[in-house]
Amino acid sequence: MDKQAIFDKVSEIVADHFDIDRAKITTDLNLKTDLNADSIDFVEFVLEVEDTFGSEISDEEAEKLSTIGEVVDYIANNQAK
């Protein structure tokens, strides 16, 4: 899956989970500061991403993910080959 397809799916998850207009979602969007996601919101988001992409994101790695672009890059670099 290419990065654009990953971005589209992640954007869909963000739009649904955080009730934000999909047109406002960019790779620079910060999950914690721009969306005011608390720790529970963030964990739920990570779980949904894991389910959607069939991958596991460790707690240590999840803590490093701040922007949509970082999430997309992580998935692109860690998807099953």
PDB file of N, CA and C in Angstrom:
ATOM      1  N   MET A   1       0.859  -1.184   0.000  1.00  0.00           N
ATOM      2  CA  MET A   1       0.000   0.000   0.000  1.00  0.00           C
ATOM      3  C   MET A   1       0.899   1.239   0.000  1.00  0.00           C
ATOM      4  N   ASP A   2       0.624   2.170  -0.889  1.00  0.00           N
ATOM      5  CA  ASP A   2       1.464   3.361  -0.946  1.00  0.00           C
ATOM      6  C   ASP A   2       1.042   4.388   0.103  1.00  0.00           C
ATOM      7  N   LYS A   3       1.893   5.398   0.262  1.00  0.00           N
ATOM      8  CA  LYS A   3       1.659   6.387   1.330  1.00  0.00           C
ATOM      9  C   LYS A   3       0.343   7.149   1.142  1.00  0.00           C
ATOM     10  N   GLN A   4      -0.031   7.415  -0.112  1.00  0.00           N
ATOM     11  CA  GLN A   4      -1.283   8.144  -0.339  1.00  0.00           C
ATOM     12  C   GLN A   4      -2.476   7.324   0.137  1.00  0.00           C
ATOM     13  N   ALA A   5      -2.462   6.028  -0.148  1.00  0.00           N
ATOM     14  CA  ALA A   5      -3.555   5.153   0.283  1.00  0.00           C
ATOM     15  C   ALA A   5      -3.582   5.061   1.815  1.00  0.00           C
ATOM     16  N   ILE A   6      -2.406   4.988   2.418  1.00  0.00           N
ATOM     17  CA  ILE A   6      -2.327   4.954   3.890  1.00  0.00           C
ATOM     18  C   ILE A   6      -2.857   6.261   4.460  1.00  0.00           C
ATOM     19  N   PHE A   7      -2.419   7.394   3.875  1.00  0.00           N
ATOM     20  CA  PHE A   7      -2.891   8.702   4.337  1.00  0.00           C
ATOM     21  C   PHE A   7      -4.409   8.800   4.248  1.00  0.00           C
ATOM     22  N   ASP A   8      -4.985   8.318   3.141  1.00  0.00           N
ATOM     23  CA  ASP A   8      -6.433   8.378   2.969  1.00  0.00           C
ATOM     24  C   ASP A   8      -7.155   7.598   4.069  1.00  0.00           C
ATOM     25  N   LYS A   9      -6.647   6.409   4.382  1.00  0.00           N
ATOM     26  CA  LYS A   9      -7.287   5.595   5.429  1.00  0.00           C
ATOM     27  C   LYS A   9      -7.111   6.221   6.802  1.00  0.00           C
ATOM     28  N   VAL A  10      -5.907   6.722   7.084  1.00  0.00           N
ATOM     29  CA  VAL A  10      -5.657   7.366   8.383  1.00  0.00           C
ATOM     30  C   VAL A  10      -6.536   8.612   8.511  1.00  0.00           C
ATOM     31  N   SER A  11      -6.665   9.369   7.427  1.00  0.00           N
ATOM     32  CA  SER A  11      -7.518  10.571   7.441  1.00  0.00           C
ATOM     33  C   SER A  11      -8.963  10.213   7.760  1.00  0.00           C
ATOM     34  N   GLU A  12      -9.415   9.122   7.176  1.00  0.00           N
ATOM     35  CA  GLU A  12     -10.781   8.653   7.429  1.00  0.00           C
ATOM     36  C   GLU A  12     -10.969   8.328   8.920  1.00  0.00           C
ATOM     37  N   ILE A  13      -9.992   7.642   9.498  1.00  0.00           N
ATOM     38  CA  ILE A  13     -10.052   7.289  10.922  1.00  0.00           C
ATOM     39  C   ILE A  13     -10.071   8.562  11.774  1.00  0.00           C
ATOM     40  N   VAL A  14      -9.190   9.509  11.461  1.00  0.00           N
ATOM     41  CA  VAL A  14      -9.118  10.762  12.221  1.00  0.00           C
ATOM     42  C   VAL A  14     -10.427  11.532  12.101  1.00  0.00           C
ATOM     43  N   ALA A  15     -10.955  11.632  10.885  1.00  0.00           N
ATOM     44  CA  ALA A  15     -12.200  12.366  10.664  1.00  0.00           C
ATOM     45  C   ALA A  15     -13.338  11.766  11.485  1.00  0.00           C
ATOM     46  N   ASP A  16     -13.438  10.441  11.482  1.00  0.00           N
ATOM     47  CA  ASP A  16     -14.500   9.775  12.232  1.00  0.00           C
ATOM     48  C   ASP A  16     -14.276   9.861  13.738  1.00  0.00           C
ATOM     49  N   HIS A  17     -13.057   9.596  14.153  1.00  0.00           N
ATOM     50  CA  HIS A  17     -12.754   9.510  15.581  1.00  0.00           C
ATOM     51  C   HIS A  17     -12.799  10.879  16.273  1.00  0.00           C
ATOM     52  N   PHE A  18     -12.294  11.901  15.587  1.00  0.00           N
ATOM     53  CA  PHE A  18     -12.195  13.227  16.215  1.00  0.00           C
ATOM     54  C   PHE A  18     -13.223  14.215  15.682  1.00  0.00           C
ATOM     55  N   ASP A  19     -14.133  13.747  14.828  1.00  0.00           N
ATOM     56  CA  ASP A  19     -15.199  14.585  14.284  1.00  0.00           C
ATOM     57  C   ASP A  19     -14.643  15.875  13.673  1.00  0.00           C
ATOM     58  N   ILE A  20     -13.748  15.681  12.711  1.00  0.00           N
ATOM     59  CA  ILE A  20     -13.126  16.815  12.032  1.00  0.00           C
ATOM     60  C   ILE A  20     -13.364  16.655  10.531  1.00  0.00           C
ATOM     61  N   ASP A  21     -13.488  17.777   9.851  1.00  0.00           N
ATOM     62  CA  ASP A  21     -13.666  17.771   8.393  1.00  0.00           C
ATOM     63  C   ASP A  21     -12.422  17.172   7.741  1.00  0.00           C
ATOM     64  N   ARG A  22     -12.626  16.189   6.887  1.00  0.00           N
ATOM     65  CA  ARG A  22     -11.500  15.497   6.259  1.00  0.00           C
ATOM     66  C   ARG A  22     -10.630  16.443   5.443  1.00  0.00           C
ATOM     67  N   ALA A  23     -11.212  17.488   4.915  1.00  0.00           N
ATOM     68  CA  ALA A  23     -10.455  18.450   4.110  1.00  0.00           C
ATOM     69  C   ALA A  23      -9.415  19.199   4.945  1.00  0.00           C
ATOM     70  N   LYS A  24      -9.596  19.228   6.259  1.00  0.00           N
ATOM     71  CA  LYS A  24      -8.662  19.934   7.144  1.00  0.00           C
ATOM     72  C   LYS A  24      -7.510  19.049   7.612  1.00  0.00           C
ATOM     73  N   ILE A  25      -7.519  17.795   7.221  1.00  0.00           N
ATOM     74  CA  ILE A  25      -6.494  16.857   7.672  1.00  0.00           C
ATOM     75  C   ILE A  25      -5.310  16.885   6.714  1.00  0.00           C
ATOM     76  N   THR A  26      -4.151  17.223   7.266  1.00  0.00           N
ATOM     77  CA  THR A  26      -2.906  17.247   6.487  1.00  0.00           C
ATOM     78  C   THR A  26      -1.878  16.395   7.212  1.00  0.00           C
ATOM     79  N   THR A  27      -0.746  16.173   6.554  1.00  0.00           N
ATOM     80  CA  THR A  27       0.312  15.384   7.201  1.00  0.00           C
ATOM     81  C   THR A  27       0.904  16.111   8.397  1.00  0.00           C
ATOM     82  N   ASP A  28       0.751  17.435   8.453  1.00  0.00           N
ATOM     83  CA  ASP A  28       1.291  18.217   9.566  1.00  0.00           C
ATOM     84  C   ASP A  28       0.337  18.315  10.755  1.00  0.00           C
ATOM     85  N   LEU A  29      -0.869  17.814  10.609  1.00  0.00           N
ATOM     86  CA  LEU A  29      -1.842  17.891  11.689  1.00  0.00           C
ATOM     87  C   LEU A  29      -1.317  17.127  12.904  1.00  0.00           C
ATOM     88  N   ASN A  30      -1.259  17.806  14.048  1.00  0.00           N
ATOM     89  CA  ASN A  30      -0.747  17.180  15.263  1.00  0.00           C
ATOM     90  C   ASN A  30      -1.911  16.621  16.064  1.00  0.00           C
ATOM     91  N   LEU A  31      -1.856  15.335  16.334  1.00  0.00           N
ATOM     92  CA  LEU A  31      -2.963  14.658  17.020  1.00  0.00           C
ATOM     93  C   LEU A  31      -3.188  15.209  18.425  1.00  0.00           C
ATOM     94  N   LYS A  32      -2.119  15.519  19.106  1.00  0.00           N
ATOM     95  CA  LYS A  32      -2.253  15.928  20.505  1.00  0.00           C
ATOM     96  C   LYS A  32      -2.585  17.411  20.652  1.00  0.00           C
ATOM     97  N   THR A  33      -1.925  18.267  19.866  1.00  0.00           N
ATOM     98  CA  THR A  33      -2.152  19.698  20.037  1.00  0.00           C
ATOM     99  C   THR A  33      -3.278  20.239  19.156  1.00  0.00           C
ATOM    100  N   ASP A  34      -3.311  19.826  17.885  1.00  0.00           N
ATOM    101  CA  ASP A  34      -4.339  20.359  16.977  1.00  0.00           C
ATOM    102  C   ASP A  34      -5.720  19.771  17.244  1.00  0.00           C
ATOM    103  N   LEU A  35      -5.759  18.530  17.701  1.00  0.00           N
ATOM    104  CA  LEU A  35      -7.046  17.875  17.937  1.00  0.00           C
ATOM    105  C   LEU A  35      -7.399  17.781  19.414  1.00  0.00           C
ATOM    106  N   ASN A  36      -6.515  18.284  20.254  1.00  0.00           N
ATOM    107  CA  ASN A  36      -6.722  18.220  21.713  1.00  0.00           C
ATOM    108  C   ASN A  36      -7.034  16.805  22.184  1.00  0.00           C
ATOM    109  N   ALA A  37      -6.330  15.841  21.606  1.00  0.00           N
ATOM    110  CA  ALA A  37      -6.563  14.441  21.977  1.00  0.00           C
ATOM    111  C   ALA A  37      -5.946  14.168  23.344  1.00  0.00           C
ATOM    112  N   ASP A  38      -6.764  13.630  24.236  1.00  0.00           N
ATOM    113  CA  ASP A  38      -6.209  13.214  25.524  1.00  0.00           C
ATOM    114  C   ASP A  38      -5.644  11.808  25.364  1.00  0.00           C
ATOM    115  N   SER A  39      -5.089  11.265  26.424  1.00  0.00           N
ATOM    116  CA  SER A  39      -4.424   9.966  26.310  1.00  0.00           C
ATOM    117  C   SER A  39      -5.392   8.859  25.901  1.00  0.00           C
ATOM    118  N   ILE A  40      -6.620   8.907  26.357  1.00  0.00           N
ATOM    119  CA  ILE A  40      -7.611   7.884  25.990  1.00  0.00           C
ATOM    120  C   ILE A  40      -7.960   8.000  24.511  1.00  0.00           C
ATOM    121  N   ASP A  41      -8.181   9.226  24.034  1.00  0.00           N
ATOM    122  CA  ASP A  41      -8.459   9.439  22.606  1.00  0.00           C
ATOM    123  C   ASP A  41      -7.321   8.889  21.758  1.00  0.00           C
ATOM    124  N   PHE A  42      -6.093   9.168  22.190  1.00  0.00           N
ATOM    125  CA  PHE A  42      -4.926   8.740  21.417  1.00  0.00           C
ATOM    126  C   PHE A  42      -4.808   7.222  21.385  1.00  0.00           C
ATOM    127  N   VAL A  43      -5.009   6.568  22.526  1.00  0.00           N
ATOM    128  CA  VAL A  43      -4.939   5.102  22.586  1.00  0.00           C
ATOM    129  C   VAL A  43      -6.015   4.492  21.700  1.00  0.00           C
ATOM    130  N   GLU A  44      -7.223   5.031  21.743  1.00  0.00           N
ATOM    131  CA  GLU A  44      -8.303   4.524  20.893  1.00  0.00           C
ATOM    132  C   GLU A  44      -7.952   4.693  19.417  1.00  0.00           C
ATOM    133  N   PHE A  45      -7.354   5.831  19.075  1.00  0.00           N
ATOM    134  CA  PHE A  45      -6.937   6.081  17.698  1.00  0.00           C
ATOM    135  C   PHE A  45      -5.894   5.050  17.267  1.00  0.00           C
ATOM    136  N   VAL A  46      -4.890   4.822  18.105  1.00  0.00           N
ATOM    137  CA  VAL A  46      -3.834   3.858  17.783  1.00  0.00           C
ATOM    138  C   VAL A  46      -4.430   2.459  17.605  1.00  0.00           C
ATOM    139  N   LEU A  47      -5.350   2.071  18.476  1.00  0.00           N
ATOM    140  CA  LEU A  47      -5.989   0.759  18.360  1.00  0.00           C
ATOM    141  C   LEU A  47      -6.751   0.630  17.045  1.00  0.00           C
ATOM    142  N   GLU A  48      -7.434   1.693  16.663  1.00  0.00           N
ATOM    143  CA  GLU A  48      -8.184   1.680  15.410  1.00  0.00           C
ATOM    144  C   GLU A  48      -7.245   1.584  14.203  1.00  0.00           C
ATOM    145  N   VAL A  49      -6.122   2.290  14.272  1.00  0.00           N
ATOM    146  CA  VAL A  49      -5.116   2.207  13.201  1.00  0.00           C
ATOM    147  C   VAL A  49      -4.565   0.785  13.128  1.00  0.00           C
ATOM    148  N   GLU A  50      -4.268   0.198  14.269  1.00  0.00           N
ATOM    149  CA  GLU A  50      -3.759  -1.182  14.298  1.00  0.00           C
ATOM    150  C   GLU A  50      -4.755  -2.140  13.657  1.00  0.00           C
ATOM    151  N   ASP A  51      -6.027  -2.001  14.015  1.00  0.00           N
ATOM    152  CA  ASP A  51      -7.064  -2.871  13.447  1.00  0.00           C
ATOM    153  C   ASP A  51      -7.182  -2.679  11.936  1.00  0.00           C
ATOM    154  N   THR A  52      -7.166  -1.434  11.500  1.00  0.00           N
ATOM    155  CA  THR A  52      -7.339  -1.126  10.080  1.00  0.00           C
ATOM    156  C   THR A  52      -6.191  -1.668   9.235  1.00  0.00           C
ATOM    157  N   PHE A  53      -4.975  -1.541   9.739  1.00  0.00           N
ATOM    158  CA  PHE A  53      -3.806  -1.918   8.949  1.00  0.00           C
ATOM    159  C   PHE A  53      -3.231  -3.276   9.329  1.00  0.00           C
ATOM    160  N   GLY A  54      -3.835  -3.940  10.324  1.00  0.00           N
ATOM    161  CA  GLY A  54      -3.368  -5.262  10.714  1.00  0.00           C
ATOM    162  C   GLY A  54      -1.949  -5.263  11.228  1.00  0.00           C
ATOM    163  N   SER A  55      -1.592  -4.197  11.932  1.00  0.00           N
ATOM    164  CA  SER A  55      -0.237  -4.108  12.467  1.00  0.00           C
ATOM    165  C   SER A  55      -0.308  -3.781  13.948  1.00  0.00           C
ATOM    166  N   GLU A  56       0.831  -3.966  14.617  1.00  0.00           N
ATOM    167  CA  GLU A  56       0.902  -3.623  16.029  1.00  0.00           C
ATOM    168  C   GLU A  56       1.867  -2.469  16.205  1.00  0.00           C
ATOM    169  N   ILE A  57       1.474  -1.504  17.030  1.00  0.00           N
ATOM    170  CA  ILE A  57       2.327  -0.362  17.330  1.00  0.00           C
ATOM    171  C   ILE A  57       2.617  -0.424  18.825  1.00  0.00           C
ATOM    172  N   SER A  58       3.888  -0.571  19.164  1.00  0.00           N
ATOM    173  CA  SER A  58       4.244  -0.667  20.580  1.00  0.00           C
ATOM    174  C   SER A  58       3.950   0.656  21.278  1.00  0.00           C
ATOM    175  N   ASP A  59       3.793   0.599  22.587  1.00  0.00           N
ATOM    176  CA  ASP A  59       3.527   1.818  23.358  1.00  0.00           C
ATOM    177  C   ASP A  59       4.644   2.840  23.165  1.00  0.00           C
ATOM    178  N   GLU A  60       5.896   2.348  23.145  1.00  0.00           N
ATOM    179  CA  GLU A  60       7.032   3.263  22.971  1.00  0.00           C
ATOM    180  C   GLU A  60       6.963   3.959  21.618  1.00  0.00           C
ATOM    181  N   GLU A  61       6.645   3.192  20.576  1.00  0.00           N
ATOM    182  CA  GLU A  61       6.550   3.773  19.233  1.00  0.00           C
ATOM    183  C   GLU A  61       5.350   4.717  19.133  1.00  0.00           C
ATOM    184  N   ALA A  62       4.236   4.337  19.728  1.00  0.00           N
ATOM    185  CA  ALA A  62       3.027   5.175  19.667  1.00  0.00           C
ATOM    186  C   ALA A  62       3.279   6.538  20.297  1.00  0.00           C
ATOM    187  N   GLU A  63       4.051   6.566  21.376  1.00  0.00           N
ATOM    188  CA  GLU A  63       4.338   7.840  22.048  1.00  0.00           C
ATOM    189  C   GLU A  63       5.123   8.790  21.152  1.00  0.00           C
ATOM    190  N   LYS A  64       5.872   8.248  20.197  1.00  0.00           N
ATOM    191  CA  LYS A  64       6.670   9.075  19.291  1.00  0.00           C
ATOM    192  C   LYS A  64       5.840   9.650  18.151  1.00  0.00           C
ATOM    193  N   LEU A  65       4.642   9.132  17.938  1.00  0.00           N
ATOM    194  CA  LEU A  65       3.805   9.560  16.818  1.00  0.00           C
ATOM    195  C   LEU A  65       2.973  10.779  17.219  1.00  0.00           C
ATOM    196  N   SER A  66       3.292  11.911  16.612  1.00  0.00           N
ATOM    197  CA  SER A  66       2.564  13.143  16.933  1.00  0.00           C
ATOM    198  C   SER A  66       1.692  13.620  15.788  1.00  0.00           C
ATOM    199  N   THR A  67       2.229  13.533  14.576  1.00  0.00           N
ATOM    200  CA  THR A  67       1.497  14.070  13.422  1.00  0.00           C
ATOM    201  C   THR A  67       0.940  12.950  12.553  1.00  0.00           C
ATOM    202  N   ILE A  68       0.011  13.319  11.707  1.00  0.00           N
ATOM    203  CA  ILE A  68      -0.562  12.357  10.761  1.00  0.00           C
ATOM    204  C   ILE A  68       0.548  11.813   9.857  1.00  0.00           C
ATOM    205  N   GLY A  69       1.455  12.677   9.432  1.00  0.00           N
ATOM    206  CA  GLY A  69       2.564  12.250   8.586  1.00  0.00           C
ATOM    207  C   GLY A  69       3.427  11.196   9.253  1.00  0.00           C
ATOM    208  N   GLU A  70       3.677  11.353  10.560  1.00  0.00           N
ATOM    209  CA  GLU A  70       4.473  10.367  11.291  1.00  0.00           C
ATOM    210  C   GLU A  70       3.748   9.028  11.369  1.00  0.00           C
ATOM    211  N   VAL A  71       2.439   9.071  11.541  1.00  0.00           N
ATOM    212  CA  VAL A  71       1.645   7.838  11.577  1.00  0.00           C
ATOM    213  C   VAL A  71       1.716   7.143  10.215  1.00  0.00           C
ATOM    214  N   VAL A  72       1.544   7.912   9.137  1.00  0.00           N
ATOM    215  CA  VAL A  72       1.602   7.358   7.782  1.00  0.00           C
ATOM    216  C   VAL A  72       2.977   6.745   7.525  1.00  0.00           C
ATOM    217  N   ASP A  73       4.038   7.470   7.881  1.00  0.00           N
ATOM    218  CA  ASP A  73       5.396   6.956   7.673  1.00  0.00           C
ATOM    219  C   ASP A  73       5.618   5.677   8.463  1.00  0.00           C
ATOM    220  N   TYR A  74       5.158   5.651   9.699  1.00  0.00           N
ATOM    221  CA  TYR A  74       5.335   4.459  10.537  1.00  0.00           C
ATOM    222  C   TYR A  74       4.655   3.253   9.891  1.00  0.00           C
ATOM    223  N   ILE A  75       3.427   3.446   9.450  1.00  0.00           N
ATOM    224  CA  ILE A  75       2.680   2.338   8.831  1.00  0.00           C
ATOM    225  C   ILE A  75       3.376   1.898   7.537  1.00  0.00           C
ATOM    226  N   ALA A  76       3.789   2.862   6.717  1.00  0.00           N
ATOM    227  CA  ALA A  76       4.457   2.534   5.455  1.00  0.00           C
ATOM    228  C   ALA A  76       5.736   1.745   5.702  1.00  0.00           C
ATOM    229  N   ASN A  77       6.468   2.113   6.733  1.00  0.00           N
ATOM    230  CA  ASN A  77       7.741   1.444   7.013  1.00  0.00           C
ATOM    231  C   ASN A  77       7.598   0.134   7.752  1.00  0.00           C
ATOM    232  N   ASN A  78       6.431  -0.128   8.332  1.00  0.00           N
ATOM    233  CA  ASN A  78       6.263  -1.313   9.153  1.00  0.00           C
ATOM    234  C   ASN A  78       5.165  -2.260   8.669  1.00  0.00           C
ATOM    235  N   GLN A  79       4.600  -1.993   7.509  1.00  0.00           N
ATOM    236  CA  GLN A  79       3.557  -2.892   7.018  1.00  0.00           C
ATOM    237  C   GLN A  79       4.174  -4.198   6.554  1.00  0.00           C
ATOM    238  N   ALA A  80       3.368  -5.235   6.591  1.00  0.00           N
ATOM    239  CA  ALA A  80       3.845  -6.558   6.176  1.00  0.00           C
ATOM    240  C   ALA A  80       4.288  -6.503   4.727  1.00  0.00           C
ATOM    241  N   LYS A  81       5.428  -7.030   4.478  1.00  0.00           N
ATOM    242  CA  LYS A  81       5.989  -6.987   3.130  1.00  0.00           C
ATOM    243  C   LYS A  81       5.485  -8.157   2.305  1.00  0.00           C
TER     244      LYS A  81
END
